[in-house]
């Protein structure tokens, strides 16, 4: 499955990714320490059905604690270049047509992209 989208701004991804409850478990399950921050992609045509389709089938999950919510995730590749994970936080301020990504490096610096640039999400599968 390939999904096209546009990069949009986010506000709280860096805070949550930096929390040990998530950071340590992502590192354990994904075998990389995520860059502190997320890349937010608004799916083309505001297509919530495409985002829901990503949640189908097997999906890995990190259980939150206290005020932190659960986070589901799957492996993905962005622009055929960066291996990463799509994350689906239970608690989010984004609309349902926005997906978030984590990776071991800063997406925007690595790909020389920013808000408003188009990207392609491809090769989505479950992390085992």
Protein backbone atom coordinates (compact mmCIF):
# COMPACT_ATOMS: atom_id res chain seq x y z
CA UNK A 1 0.00 0.00 0.00
CA UNK A 2 1.25 3.46 -0.89
CA UNK A 3 -0.25 6.59 0.59
CA UNK A 4 0.47 10.14 -0.52
CA UNK A 5 0.33 13.02 1.89
CA UNK A 6 1.62 16.45 2.86
CA UNK A 7 3.78 17.32 5.86
CA UNK A 8 1.98 19.41 8.50
CA UNK A 9 3.11 20.98 11.75
CA UNK A 10 2.81 19.28 15.08
CA UNK A 11 3.09 20.44 18.65
CA UNK A 12 3.61 17.70 21.20
CA UNK A 13 5.35 14.78 19.48
CA UNK A 14 8.79 15.67 20.81
CA UNK A 15 7.54 15.73 24.38
CA UNK A 16 5.91 12.32 24.17
CA UNK A 17 8.70 10.60 22.23
CA UNK A 18 11.18 11.84 24.85
CA UNK A 19 9.27 10.14 27.69
CA UNK A 20 10.98 6.94 28.83
CA UNK A 21 7.66 5.06 28.91
CA UNK A 22 7.61 5.32 25.09
CA UNK A 23 11.26 5.91 24.13
CA UNK A 24 12.60 2.82 25.90
CA UNK A 25 9.86 0.53 24.57
CA UNK A 26 10.23 1.86 21.01
CA UNK A 27 13.97 1.26 21.22
CA UNK A 28 13.40 -2.28 22.49
CA UNK A 29 10.76 -3.19 19.89
CA UNK A 30 12.05 -1.22 16.88
CA UNK A 31 15.79 -1.58 17.54
CA UNK A 32 16.43 2.14 17.21
CA UNK A 33 16.23 5.11 19.57
CA UNK A 34 13.72 7.48 17.99
CA UNK A 35 14.65 11.06 17.18
CA UNK A 36 12.86 13.31 19.67
CA UNK A 37 9.93 14.45 17.56
CA UNK A 38 7.48 13.11 15.03
CA UNK A 39 6.79 13.82 11.39
CA UNK A 40 3.11 14.51 10.77
CA UNK A 41 1.59 13.68 7.39
CA UNK A 42 -1.90 14.70 6.33
CA UNK A 43 -3.19 12.00 3.98
CA UNK A 44 -4.16 13.28 0.51
CA UNK A 45 -7.81 14.08 -0.08
CA UNK A 46 -8.38 14.11 3.71
CA UNK A 47 -8.94 10.37 3.38
CA UNK A 48 -9.66 8.97 6.87
CA UNK A 49 -10.43 5.56 5.33
CA UNK A 50 -6.79 5.18 4.25
CA UNK A 51 -5.64 5.86 7.80
CA UNK A 52 -8.18 3.38 9.21
CA UNK A 53 -6.94 0.77 6.73
CA UNK A 54 -3.45 1.13 8.25
CA UNK A 55 -4.88 0.04 11.60
CA UNK A 56 -6.32 -3.19 10.17
CA UNK A 57 -4.70 -6.53 10.87
CA UNK A 58 -1.90 -7.15 13.32
CA UNK A 59 -0.41 -4.10 14.96
CA UNK A 60 2.13 -3.67 17.75
CA UNK A 61 1.19 -1.66 20.84
CA UNK A 62 2.86 0.05 23.76
CA UNK A 63 0.69 0.38 26.84
CA UNK A 64 0.72 3.82 28.41
CA UNK A 65 0.65 4.44 32.15
CA UNK A 66 -0.90 7.09 34.37
CA UNK A 67 -1.91 9.98 32.10
CA UNK A 68 -0.06 8.61 29.05
CA UNK A 69 -2.16 6.79 26.47
CA UNK A 70 -1.45 3.64 24.49
CA UNK A 71 0.40 3.87 21.17
CA UNK A 72 -0.01 1.43 18.28
CA UNK A 73 2.62 1.24 15.55
CA UNK A 74 3.70 -0.43 12.30
CA UNK A 75 6.87 -0.35 10.24
CA UNK A 76 6.89 1.86 7.15
CA UNK A 77 9.21 3.47 4.64
CA UNK A 78 8.95 7.15 3.73
CA UNK A 79 9.86 8.27 0.18
CA UNK A 80 11.67 4.94 -0.39
CA UNK A 81 14.44 6.30 1.84
CA UNK A 82 13.83 6.35 5.60
CA UNK A 83 12.89 3.25 7.56
CA UNK A 84 10.60 4.24 10.38
CA UNK A 85 7.39 3.45 12.20
CA UNK A 86 3.91 4.89 11.80
CA UNK A 87 2.53 5.57 15.25
CA UNK A 88 -1.10 5.82 16.26
CA UNK A 89 -1.31 7.54 19.66
CA UNK A 90 -4.52 6.90 21.53
CA UNK A 91 -4.42 10.53 22.67
CA UNK A 92 -3.75 13.03 19.90
CA UNK A 93 -4.68 16.55 18.88
CA UNK A 94 -4.50 15.68 15.16
CA UNK A 95 -7.49 15.05 12.91
CA UNK A 96 -8.14 11.45 11.83
CA UNK A 97 -6.52 12.00 8.43
CA UNK A 98 -3.08 12.77 9.93
CA UNK A 99 -0.53 10.04 10.70
CA UNK A 100 2.63 10.44 12.76
CA UNK A 101 6.04 8.88 12.20
CA UNK A 102 9.12 8.23 14.27
CA UNK A 103 12.60 7.35 13.02
CA UNK A 104 16.16 7.32 14.33
CA UNK A 105 16.92 10.62 12.59
CA UNK A 106 15.29 13.97 11.89
CA UNK A 107 13.13 13.47 8.78
CA UNK A 108 13.15 17.07 7.67
CA UNK A 109 16.94 17.37 7.77
CA UNK A 110 17.59 13.97 6.19
CA UNK A 111 15.18 14.50 3.28
CA UNK A 112 15.49 18.32 3.06
CA UNK A 113 11.73 18.71 3.37
CA UNK A 114 9.33 20.78 5.45
CA UNK A 115 5.71 21.68 6.02
CA UNK A 116 3.73 21.62 2.79
CA UNK A 117 6.04 19.16 0.99
CA UNK A 118 4.54 15.97 -0.43
CA UNK A 119 5.70 12.53 0.72
CA UNK A 120 4.83 8.92 -0.03
CA UNK A 121 4.35 6.34 2.70
CA UNK A 122 5.07 2.80 1.48
CA UNK A 123 5.95 -0.75 2.51
CA UNK A 124 3.83 -0.84 5.63
CA UNK A 125 4.02 -3.97 7.79
CA UNK A 126 3.88 -5.07 11.38
CA UNK A 127 6.96 -4.97 13.57
CA UNK A 128 7.34 -8.40 15.14
